[in-house]
C-alpha atoms as a PDB file:
ATOM      1  CA  UNK A   1      10.934  24.546   2.222  1.00  0.00           C
ATOM      2  CA  UNK A   2      14.498  23.719   1.192  1.00  0.00           C
ATOM      3  CA  UNK A   3      16.067  20.266   1.523  1.00  0.00           C
ATOM      4  CA  UNK A   4      19.335  18.599   0.481  1.00  0.00           C
ATOM      5  CA  UNK A   5      19.699  15.448  -1.618  1.00  0.00           C
ATOM      6  CA  UNK A   6      22.205  13.158   0.086  1.00  0.00           C
ATOM      7  CA  UNK A   7      23.690   9.739  -0.547  1.00  0.00           C
ATOM      8  CA  UNK A   8      22.006   6.715   1.042  1.00  0.00           C
ATOM      9  CA  UNK A   9      23.926   3.554   0.211  1.00  0.00           C
ATOM     10  CA  UNK A  10      24.505   3.743  -3.538  1.00  0.00           C
ATOM     11  CA  UNK A  11      21.439   5.901  -4.196  1.00  0.00           C
ATOM     12  CA  UNK A  12      20.565   9.559  -3.759  1.00  0.00           C
ATOM     13  CA  UNK A  13      17.943  10.212  -1.087  1.00  0.00           C
ATOM     14  CA  UNK A  14      15.765  13.111  -0.033  1.00  0.00           C
ATOM     15  CA  UNK A  15      14.331  13.239   3.471  1.00  0.00           C
ATOM     16  CA  UNK A  16      10.809  14.578   3.630  1.00  0.00           C
ATOM     17  CA  UNK A  17      10.122  16.788   6.639  1.00  0.00           C
ATOM     18  CA  UNK A  18       7.171  15.805   8.842  1.00  0.00           C
ATOM     19  CA  UNK A  19       5.378  19.028   7.900  1.00  0.00           C
ATOM     20  CA  UNK A  20       5.536  18.066   4.205  1.00  0.00           C
ATOM     21  CA  UNK A  21       4.260  14.553   4.943  1.00  0.00           C
ATOM     22  CA  UNK A  22       1.393  15.973   6.979  1.00  0.00           C
ATOM     23  CA  UNK A  23       0.538  18.610   4.368  1.00  0.00           C
ATOM     24  CA  UNK A  24       0.478  15.967   1.609  1.00  0.00           C
ATOM     25  CA  UNK A  25      -1.482  13.564   3.850  1.00  0.00           C
ATOM     26  CA  UNK A  26       1.135  10.816   3.323  1.00  0.00           C
ATOM     27  CA  UNK A  27       1.890   8.076   5.849  1.00  0.00           C
ATOM     28  CA  UNK A  28       5.013   6.044   6.542  1.00  0.00           C
ATOM     29  CA  UNK A  29       5.129   2.817   4.474  1.00  0.00           C
ATOM     30  CA  UNK A  30       2.569   4.269   2.046  1.00  0.00           C
ATOM     31  CA  UNK A  31       3.055   3.213  -1.568  1.00  0.00           C
ATOM     32  CA  UNK A  32       3.642   6.085  -3.967  1.00  0.00           C
ATOM     33  CA  UNK A  33       4.343   6.670  -7.646  1.00  0.00           C
ATOM     34  CA  UNK A  34       7.400   8.799  -8.426  1.00  0.00           C
ATOM     35  CA  UNK A  35       7.654  10.491 -11.831  1.00  0.00           C
ATOM     36  CA  UNK A  36      10.189  12.945 -13.216  1.00  0.00           C
ATOM     37  CA  UNK A  37       9.237  15.392 -15.956  1.00  0.00           C
ATOM     38  CA  UNK A  38      10.890  18.612 -17.123  1.00  0.00           C
ATOM     39  CA  UNK A  39      13.198  18.935 -14.118  1.00  0.00           C
ATOM     40  CA  UNK A  40      10.477  18.181 -11.545  1.00  0.00           C
ATOM     41  CA  UNK A  41       9.945  15.148  -9.346  1.00  0.00           C
ATOM     42  CA  UNK A  42       6.320  14.386  -8.514  1.00  0.00           C
ATOM     43  CA  UNK A  43       5.291  12.003  -5.734  1.00  0.00           C
ATOM     44  CA  UNK A  44       1.696  10.780  -5.856  1.00  0.00           C
ATOM     45  CA  UNK A  45      -0.134   8.221  -3.733  1.00  0.00           C
ATOM     46  CA  UNK A  46      -0.950   4.894  -5.350  1.00  0.00           C
ATOM     47  CA  UNK A  47      -4.709   4.738  -5.666  1.00  0.00           C
ATOM     48  CA  UNK A  48      -6.186   1.671  -4.041  1.00  0.00           C
ATOM     49  CA  UNK A  49      -8.598  -0.284  -6.218  1.00  0.00           C
ATOM     50  CA  UNK A  50     -12.148  -0.298  -4.891  1.00  0.00           C
ATOM     51  CA  UNK A  51     -13.791  -3.700  -4.813  1.00  0.00           C
ATOM     52  CA  UNK A  52     -17.501  -4.349  -4.484  1.00  0.00           C
ATOM     53  CA  UNK A  53     -18.531  -7.581  -2.804  1.00  0.00           C
ATOM     54  CA  UNK A  54     -21.226  -8.190  -5.417  1.00  0.00           C
ATOM     55  CA  UNK A  55     -18.652  -8.005  -8.238  1.00  0.00           C
ATOM     56  CA  UNK A  56     -16.242 -10.331  -6.457  1.00  0.00           C
ATOM     57  CA  UNK A  57     -18.952 -12.876  -5.735  1.00  0.00           C
ATOM     58  CA  UNK A  58     -20.267 -12.659  -9.305  1.00  0.00           C
ATOM     59  CA  UNK A  59     -16.803 -13.621 -10.569  1.00  0.00           C
ATOM     60  CA  UNK A  60     -16.754 -16.839  -8.507  1.00  0.00           C
ATOM     61  CA  UNK A  61     -17.162 -20.092 -10.400  1.00  0.00           C
ATOM     62  CA  UNK A  62     -16.789 -23.769  -9.555  1.00  0.00           C
ATOM     63  CA  UNK A  63     -13.350 -23.606 -11.230  1.00  0.00           C
ATOM     64  CA  UNK A  64     -11.918 -20.794  -9.080  1.00  0.00           C
ATOM     65  CA  UNK A  65     -13.580 -21.561  -5.718  1.00  0.00           C
ATOM     66  CA  UNK A  66     -11.445 -23.421  -3.191  1.00  0.00           C
ATOM     67  CA  UNK A  67     -12.580 -26.338  -1.077  1.00  0.00           C
ATOM     68  CA  UNK A  68     -13.497 -25.897   2.567  1.00  0.00           C
ATOM     69  CA  UNK A  69     -10.578 -26.227   4.977  1.00  0.00           C
ATOM     70  CA  UNK A  70     -10.892 -27.873   8.386  1.00  0.00           C
ATOM     71  CA  UNK A  71      -8.385 -26.582  10.919  1.00  0.00           C
ATOM     72  CA  UNK A  72      -9.605 -28.911  13.636  1.00  0.00           C
ATOM     73  CA  UNK A  73     -11.456 -28.177  16.846  1.00  0.00           C
ATOM     74  CA  UNK A  74     -10.849 -25.291  19.226  1.00  0.00           C
ATOM     75  CA  UNK A  75      -7.650 -25.327  21.259  1.00  0.00           C
ATOM     76  CA  UNK A  76      -6.912 -23.446  24.441  1.00  0.00           C
ATOM     77  CA  UNK A  77      -9.348 -20.690  25.454  1.00  0.00           C
ATOM     78  CA  UNK A  78     -11.044 -20.224  22.064  1.00  0.00           C
ATOM     79  CA  UNK A  79     -14.802 -19.968  21.978  1.00  0.00           C
ATOM     80  CA  UNK A  80     -16.897 -20.698  18.926  1.00  0.00           C
END
């Protein structure tokens, strides 16, 4: 598929057709890494770190735990 690099403000821009986005399984607002090597531009998704609850809880100490916060009683139609 052919596309044209155009000016967008002070920067060059390339519009990605919907078919390319769908084929690459990219979404709008998705964070990506852009690299340029040997005349090629590569766009890759940013990999999301995977967290395990056990690891996060194991890292908690008295020094990094916050105090309980009281936001007051229910207001309006809230049910607790």
